[in-house]
Amino acid sequence: MADVEIVEIGFSGGSVIVVRLAAAKLKELRKALEKAEGWADLETPTGVVHLDLAQVQFVRNDAPAQTVGFTG
């Protein structure tokens, strides 16, 4: 998966899971959360996570690393 980000997903009750997601999958998750009903299958590099969207309280992803100068 290209452009993989580390994403934390928090649930009501205080549980948090950390997954690695491609940018496109993160975008799909955010779109699904707009309705926040039903279940969603979240494909990650290590397997599929099944989410009850009504229980999701927050989604947090790391800011991209900031670099100075040339990278290669």
PDB file of N, CA and C in Angstrom:
ATOM      1  N   MET A   1       0.838  -1.179   0.000  1.00  0.00           N
ATOM      2  CA  MET A   1       0.000   0.000   0.000  1.00  0.00           C
ATOM      3  C   MET A   1       0.881   1.240   0.000  1.00  0.00           C
ATOM      4  N   ALA A   2       0.598   2.122  -0.905  1.00  0.00           N
ATOM      5  CA  ALA A   2       1.357   3.353  -0.972  1.00  0.00           C
ATOM      6  C   ALA A   2       0.748   4.399  -0.050  1.00  0.00           C
ATOM      7  N   ASP A   3       1.551   5.321   0.425  1.00  0.00           N
ATOM      8  CA  ASP A   3       1.076   6.397   1.286  1.00  0.00           C
ATOM      9  C   ASP A   3       0.291   5.874   2.486  1.00  0.00           C
ATOM     10  N   VAL A   4       0.894   4.978   3.235  1.00  0.00           N
ATOM     11  CA  VAL A   4       0.237   4.404   4.405  1.00  0.00           C
ATOM     12  C   VAL A   4       0.413   5.340   5.602  1.00  0.00           C
ATOM     13  N   GLU A   5      -0.692   5.569   6.325  1.00  0.00           N
ATOM     14  CA  GLU A   5      -0.670   6.418   7.508  1.00  0.00           C
ATOM     15  C   GLU A   5      -1.064   5.600   8.730  1.00  0.00           C
ATOM     16  N   ILE A   6      -0.569   6.006   9.889  1.00  0.00           N
ATOM     17  CA  ILE A   6      -0.982   5.394  11.144  1.00  0.00           C
ATOM     18  C   ILE A   6      -2.203   6.159  11.630  1.00  0.00           C
ATOM     19  N   VAL A   7      -3.278   5.422  11.890  1.00  0.00           N
ATOM     20  CA  VAL A   7      -4.562   6.028  12.249  1.00  0.00           C
ATOM     21  C   VAL A   7      -5.060   5.430  13.559  1.00  0.00           C
ATOM     22  N   GLU A   8      -5.484   6.282  14.483  1.00  0.00           N
ATOM     23  CA  GLU A   8      -6.106   5.843  15.725  1.00  0.00           C
ATOM     24  C   GLU A   8      -7.611   6.011  15.578  1.00  0.00           C
ATOM     25  N   ILE A   9      -8.369   4.988  15.983  1.00  0.00           N
ATOM     26  CA  ILE A   9      -9.829   5.041  15.944  1.00  0.00           C
ATOM     27  C   ILE A   9     -10.317   4.812  17.367  1.00  0.00           C
ATOM     28  N   GLY A  10     -11.030   5.804  17.913  1.00  0.00           N
ATOM     29  CA  GLY A  10     -11.527   5.730  19.279  1.00  0.00           C
ATOM     30  C   GLY A  10     -13.011   5.418  19.305  1.00  0.00           C
ATOM     31  N   PHE A  11     -13.421   4.636  20.291  1.00  0.00           N
ATOM     32  CA  PHE A  11     -14.802   4.186  20.405  1.00  0.00           C
ATOM     33  C   PHE A  11     -15.424   4.668  21.699  1.00  0.00           C
ATOM     34  N   SER A  12     -16.766   4.707  21.724  1.00  0.00           N
ATOM     35  CA  SER A  12     -17.450   5.018  22.972  1.00  0.00           C
ATOM     36  C   SER A  12     -17.063   3.938  23.973  1.00  0.00           C
ATOM     37  N   GLY A  13     -16.843   4.320  25.187  1.00  0.00           N
ATOM     38  CA  GLY A  13     -16.363   3.386  26.196  1.00  0.00           C
ATOM     39  C   GLY A  13     -14.864   3.491  26.400  1.00  0.00           C
ATOM     40  N   GLY A  14     -14.162   4.218  25.527  1.00  0.00           N
ATOM     41  CA  GLY A  14     -12.752   4.486  25.729  1.00  0.00           C
ATOM     42  C   GLY A  14     -11.756   3.627  24.987  1.00  0.00           C
ATOM     43  N   SER A  15     -12.201   2.587  24.293  1.00  0.00           N
ATOM     44  CA  SER A  15     -11.258   1.738  23.552  1.00  0.00           C
ATOM     45  C   SER A  15     -10.712   2.473  22.337  1.00  0.00           C
ATOM     46  N   VAL A  16      -9.456   2.208  22.025  1.00  0.00           N
ATOM     47  CA  VAL A  16      -8.797   2.799  20.859  1.00  0.00           C
ATOM     48  C   VAL A  16      -8.043   1.698  20.131  1.00  0.00           C
ATOM     49  N   ILE A  17      -8.152   1.675  18.805  1.00  0.00           N
ATOM     50  CA  ILE A  17      -7.319   0.770  18.007  1.00  0.00           C
ATOM     51  C   ILE A  17      -6.435   1.614  17.102  1.00  0.00           C
ATOM     52  N   VAL A  18      -5.289   1.080  16.768  1.00  0.00           N
ATOM     53  CA  VAL A  18      -4.352   1.745  15.869  1.00  0.00           C
ATOM     54  C   VAL A  18      -4.190   0.855  14.649  1.00  0.00           C
ATOM     55  N   VAL A  19      -4.410   1.440  13.468  1.00  0.00           N
ATOM     56  CA  VAL A  19      -4.281   0.695  12.213  1.00  0.00           C
ATOM     57  C   VAL A  19      -3.448   1.501  11.237  1.00  0.00           C
ATOM     58  N   ARG A  20      -2.920   0.813  10.252  1.00  0.00           N
ATOM     59  CA  ARG A  20      -2.197   1.458   9.164  1.00  0.00           C
ATOM     60  C   ARG A  20      -3.121   1.451   7.961  1.00  0.00           C
ATOM     61  N   LEU A  21      -3.368   2.634   7.386  1.00  0.00           N
ATOM     62  CA  LEU A  21      -4.296   2.760   6.268  1.00  0.00           C
ATOM     63  C   LEU A  21      -3.684   3.551   5.131  1.00  0.00           C
ATOM     64  N   ALA A  22      -4.027   3.148   3.927  1.00  0.00           N
ATOM     65  CA  ALA A  22      -3.685   3.948   2.759  1.00  0.00           C
ATOM     66  C   ALA A  22      -4.540   5.203   2.792  1.00  0.00           C
ATOM     67  N   ALA A  23      -4.063   6.277   2.212  1.00  0.00           N
ATOM     68  CA  ALA A  23      -4.784   7.548   2.219  1.00  0.00           C
ATOM     69  C   ALA A  23      -6.189   7.390   1.632  1.00  0.00           C
ATOM     70  N   ALA A  24      -6.323   6.600   0.580  1.00  0.00           N
ATOM     71  CA  ALA A  24      -7.636   6.394  -0.042  1.00  0.00           C
ATOM     72  C   ALA A  24      -8.589   5.681   0.903  1.00  0.00           C
ATOM     73  N   LYS A  25      -8.102   4.707   1.676  1.00  0.00           N
ATOM     74  CA  LYS A  25      -8.941   3.983   2.641  1.00  0.00           C
ATOM     75  C   LYS A  25      -9.365   4.889   3.790  1.00  0.00           C
ATOM     76  N   LEU A  26      -8.478   5.780   4.217  1.00  0.00           N
ATOM     77  CA  LEU A  26      -8.820   6.741   5.261  1.00  0.00           C
ATOM     78  C   LEU A  26      -9.925   7.665   4.775  1.00  0.00           C
ATOM     79  N   LYS A  27      -9.828   8.081   3.536  1.00  0.00           N
ATOM     80  CA  LYS A  27     -10.859   8.940   2.952  1.00  0.00           C
ATOM     81  C   LYS A  27     -12.203   8.210   2.911  1.00  0.00           C
ATOM     82  N   GLU A  28     -12.197   6.920   2.543  1.00  0.00           N
ATOM     83  CA  GLU A  28     -13.414   6.110   2.519  1.00  0.00           C
ATOM     84  C   GLU A  28     -14.021   6.002   3.924  1.00  0.00           C
ATOM     85  N   LEU A  29     -13.171   5.804   4.925  1.00  0.00           N
ATOM     86  CA  LEU A  29     -13.645   5.699   6.300  1.00  0.00           C
ATOM     87  C   LEU A  29     -14.319   6.997   6.731  1.00  0.00           C
ATOM     88  N   ARG A  30     -13.687   8.111   6.460  1.00  0.00           N
ATOM     89  CA  ARG A  30     -14.272   9.403   6.848  1.00  0.00           C
ATOM     90  C   ARG A  30     -15.623   9.619   6.168  1.00  0.00           C
ATOM     91  N   LYS A  31     -15.736   9.211   4.922  1.00  0.00           N
ATOM     92  CA  LYS A  31     -17.014   9.344   4.205  1.00  0.00           C
ATOM     93  C   LYS A  31     -18.085   8.452   4.847  1.00  0.00           C
ATOM     94  N   ALA A  32     -17.723   7.221   5.206  1.00  0.00           N
ATOM     95  CA  ALA A  32     -18.671   6.304   5.845  1.00  0.00           C
ATOM     96  C   ALA A  32     -19.119   6.841   7.197  1.00  0.00           C
ATOM     97  N   LEU A  33     -18.230   7.538   7.901  1.00  0.00           N
ATOM     98  CA  LEU A  33     -18.560   8.070   9.219  1.00  0.00           C
ATOM     99  C   LEU A  33     -19.527   9.246   9.163  1.00  0.00           C
ATOM    100  N   GLU A  34     -19.703   9.844   7.995  1.00  0.00           N
ATOM    101  CA  GLU A  34     -20.660  10.938   7.865  1.00  0.00           C
ATOM    102  C   GLU A  34     -22.072  10.451   8.175  1.00  0.00           C
ATOM    103  N   LYS A  35     -22.377   9.205   7.802  1.00  0.00           N
ATOM    104  CA  LYS A  35     -23.693   8.627   8.099  1.00  0.00           C
ATOM    105  C   LYS A  35     -23.690   7.951   9.467  1.00  0.00           C
ATOM    106  N   ALA A  36     -22.550   7.410   9.857  1.00  0.00           N
ATOM    107  CA  ALA A  36     -22.342   6.777  11.166  1.00  0.00           C
ATOM    108  C   ALA A  36     -23.417   5.752  11.514  1.00  0.00           C
ATOM    109  N   GLU A  37     -23.783   4.918  10.552  1.00  0.00           N
ATOM    110  CA  GLU A  37     -24.736   3.851  10.843  1.00  0.00           C
ATOM    111  C   GLU A  37     -24.282   2.577  10.141  1.00  0.00           C
ATOM    112  N   GLY A  38     -24.518   1.458  10.785  1.00  0.00           N
ATOM    113  CA  GLY A  38     -24.133   0.176  10.209  1.00  0.00           C
ATOM    114  C   GLY A  38     -22.675  -0.158  10.479  1.00  0.00           C
ATOM    115  N   TRP A  39     -22.201  -1.114   9.739  1.00  0.00           N
ATOM    116  CA  TRP A  39     -20.845  -1.614   9.893  1.00  0.00           C
ATOM    117  C   TRP A  39     -20.042  -1.308   8.644  1.00  0.00           C
ATOM    118  N   ALA A  40     -18.738  -1.189   8.809  1.00  0.00           N
ATOM    119  CA  ALA A  40     -17.825  -0.980   7.683  1.00  0.00           C
ATOM    120  C   ALA A  40     -16.663  -1.953   7.816  1.00  0.00           C
ATOM    121  N   ASP A  41     -16.226  -2.493   6.698  1.00  0.00           N
ATOM    122  CA  ASP A  41     -15.042  -3.340   6.644  1.00  0.00           C
ATOM    123  C   ASP A  41     -13.876  -2.459   6.225  1.00  0.00           C
ATOM    124  N   LEU A  42     -12.874  -2.406   7.067  1.00  0.00           N
ATOM    125  CA  LEU A  42     -11.717  -1.556   6.839  1.00  0.00           C
ATOM    126  C   LEU A  42     -10.528  -2.433   6.485  1.00  0.00           C
ATOM    127  N   GLU A  43     -10.074  -2.356   5.242  1.00  0.00           N
ATOM    128  CA  GLU A  43      -8.944  -3.169   4.797  1.00  0.00           C
ATOM    129  C   GLU A  43      -7.639  -2.495   5.188  1.00  0.00           C
ATOM    130  N   THR A  44      -6.808  -3.242   5.915  1.00  0.00           N
ATOM    131  CA  THR A  44      -5.499  -2.759   6.337  1.00  0.00           C
ATOM    132  C   THR A  44      -4.440  -3.704   5.776  1.00  0.00           C
ATOM    133  N   PRO A  45      -3.170  -3.336   5.815  1.00  0.00           N
ATOM    134  CA  PRO A  45      -2.126  -4.236   5.328  1.00  0.00           C
ATOM    135  C   PRO A  45      -2.053  -5.553   6.104  1.00  0.00           C
ATOM    136  N   THR A  46      -2.567  -5.574   7.326  1.00  0.00           N
ATOM    137  CA  THR A  46      -2.467  -6.781   8.151  1.00  0.00           C
ATOM    138  C   THR A  46      -3.774  -7.564   8.248  1.00  0.00           C
ATOM    139  N   GLY A  47      -4.828  -7.091   7.613  1.00  0.00           N
ATOM    140  CA  GLY A  47      -6.103  -7.801   7.650  1.00  0.00           C
ATOM    141  C   GLY A  47      -7.279  -6.843   7.603  1.00  0.00           C
ATOM    142  N   VAL A  48      -8.474  -7.388   7.790  1.00  0.00           N
ATOM    143  CA  VAL A  48      -9.696  -6.592   7.735  1.00  0.00           C
ATOM    144  C   VAL A  48     -10.199  -6.325   9.150  1.00  0.00           C
ATOM    145  N   VAL A  49     -10.568  -5.080   9.410  1.00  0.00           N
ATOM    146  CA  VAL A  49     -11.150  -4.678  10.681  1.00  0.00           C
ATOM    147  C   VAL A  49     -12.612  -4.341  10.412  1.00  0.00           C
ATOM    148  N   HIS A  50     -13.519  -4.905  11.219  1.00  0.00           N
ATOM    149  CA  HIS A  50     -14.946  -4.646  11.084  1.00  0.00           C
ATOM    150  C   HIS A  50     -15.342  -3.618  12.138  1.00  0.00           C
ATOM    151  N   LEU A  51     -15.854  -2.469  11.694  1.00  0.00           N
ATOM    152  CA  LEU A  51     -16.171  -1.370  12.602  1.00  0.00           C
ATOM    153  C   LEU A  51     -17.669  -1.125  12.693  1.00  0.00           C
ATOM    154  N   ASP A  52     -18.172  -0.969  13.907  1.00  0.00           N
ATOM    155  CA  ASP A  52     -19.533  -0.487  14.127  1.00  0.00           C
ATOM    156  C   ASP A  52     -19.440   1.034  14.094  1.00  0.00           C
ATOM    157  N   LEU A  53     -19.863   1.629  13.000  1.00  0.00           N
ATOM    158  CA  LEU A  53     -19.672   3.062  12.792  1.00  0.00           C
ATOM    159  C   LEU A  53     -20.370   3.921  13.842  1.00  0.00           C
ATOM    160  N   ALA A  54     -21.462   3.426  14.411  1.00  0.00           N
ATOM    161  CA  ALA A  54     -22.190   4.183  15.431  1.00  0.00           C
ATOM    162  C   ALA A  54     -21.382   4.316  16.722  1.00  0.00           C
ATOM    163  N   GLN A  55     -20.374   3.460  16.923  1.00  0.00           N
ATOM    164  CA  GLN A  55     -19.580   3.478  18.148  1.00  0.00           C
ATOM    165  C   GLN A  55     -18.296   4.304  18.025  1.00  0.00           C
ATOM    166  N   VAL A  56     -17.954   4.749  16.810  1.00  0.00           N
ATOM    167  CA  VAL A  56     -16.714   5.504  16.598  1.00  0.00           C
ATOM    168  C   VAL A  56     -16.887   6.921  17.122  1.00  0.00           C
ATOM    169  N   GLN A  57     -15.978   7.344  17.996  1.00  0.00           N
ATOM    170  CA  GLN A  57     -16.003   8.680  18.587  1.00  0.00           C
ATOM    171  C   GLN A  57     -15.000   9.624  17.923  1.00  0.00           C
ATOM    172  N   PHE A  58     -13.854   9.079  17.501  1.00  0.00           N
ATOM    173  CA  PHE A  58     -12.877   9.935  16.832  1.00  0.00           C
ATOM    174  C   PHE A  58     -11.972   9.118  15.922  1.00  0.00           C
ATOM    175  N   VAL A  59     -11.374   9.826  14.962  1.00  0.00           N
ATOM    176  CA  VAL A  59     -10.345   9.260  14.078  1.00  0.00           C
ATOM    177  C   VAL A  59      -9.213  10.270  14.059  1.00  0.00           C
ATOM    178  N   ARG A  60      -8.016   9.805  14.383  1.00  0.00           N
ATOM    179  CA  ARG A  60      -6.855  10.698  14.410  1.00  0.00           C
ATOM    180  C   ARG A  60      -5.744  10.052  13.595  1.00  0.00           C
ATOM    181  N   ASN A  61      -5.144  10.837  12.710  1.00  0.00           N
ATOM    182  CA  ASN A  61      -4.005  10.328  11.958  1.00  0.00           C
ATOM    183  C   ASN A  61      -2.802  11.237  12.179  1.00  0.00           C
ATOM    184  N   ASP A  62      -1.619  10.631  12.073  1.00  0.00           N
ATOM    185  CA  ASP A  62      -0.378  11.379  12.270  1.00  0.00           C
ATOM    186  C   ASP A  62      -0.205  12.403  11.165  1.00  0.00           C
ATOM    187  N   ALA A  63       0.332  13.540  11.547  1.00  0.00           N
ATOM    188  CA  ALA A  63       0.687  14.538  10.546  1.00  0.00           C
ATOM    189  C   ALA A  63       1.863  14.012   9.735  1.00  0.00           C
ATOM    190  N   PRO A  64       1.908  14.319   8.456  1.00  0.00           N
ATOM    191  CA  PRO A  64       3.055  13.873   7.658  1.00  0.00           C
ATOM    192  C   PRO A  64       4.361  14.426   8.218  1.00  0.00           C
ATOM    193  N   ALA A  65       5.403  13.651   8.087  1.00  0.00           N
ATOM    194  CA  ALA A  65       6.719  14.084   8.573  1.00  0.00           C
ATOM    195  C   ALA A  65       7.169  15.334   7.829  1.00  0.00           C
ATOM    196  N   GLN A  66       7.669  16.286   8.558  1.00  0.00           N
ATOM    197  CA  GLN A  66       8.172  17.509   7.934  1.00  0.00           C
ATOM    198  C   GLN A  66       9.662  17.355   7.690  1.00  0.00           C
ATOM    199  N   THR A  67      10.069  17.704   6.504  1.00  0.00           N
ATOM    200  CA  THR A  67      11.482  17.600   6.151  1.00  0.00           C
ATOM    201  C   THR A  67      11.984  18.941   5.660  1.00  0.00           C
ATOM    202  N   VAL A  68      13.261  19.138   5.789  1.00  0.00           N
ATOM    203  CA  VAL A  68      13.901  20.350   5.301  1.00  0.00           C
ATOM    204  C   VAL A  68      14.921  19.918   4.257  1.00  0.00           C
ATOM    205  N   GLY A  69      14.895  20.586   3.132  1.00  0.00           N
ATOM    206  CA  GLY A  69      15.880  20.262   2.101  1.00  0.00           C
ATOM    207  C   GLY A  69      15.405  19.150   1.196  1.00  0.00           C
ATOM    208  N   PHE A  70      16.366  18.452   0.632  1.00  0.00           N
ATOM    209  CA  PHE A  70      16.067  17.414  -0.346  1.00  0.00           C
ATOM    210  C   PHE A  70      15.876  16.072   0.326  1.00  0.00           C
ATOM    211  N   THR A  71      14.942  15.301  -0.186  1.00  0.00           N
ATOM    212  CA  THR A  71      14.764  13.932   0.289  1.00  0.00           C
ATOM    213  C   THR A  71      14.951  13.020  -0.899  1.00  0.00           C
ATOM    214  N   GLY A  72      15.341  11.829  -0.661  1.00  0.00           N
ATOM    215  CA  GLY A  72      15.595  10.995  -1.814  1.00  0.00           C
ATOM    216  C   GLY A  72      15.438   9.606  -1.501  1.00  0.00           C
TER     217      GLY A  72
END
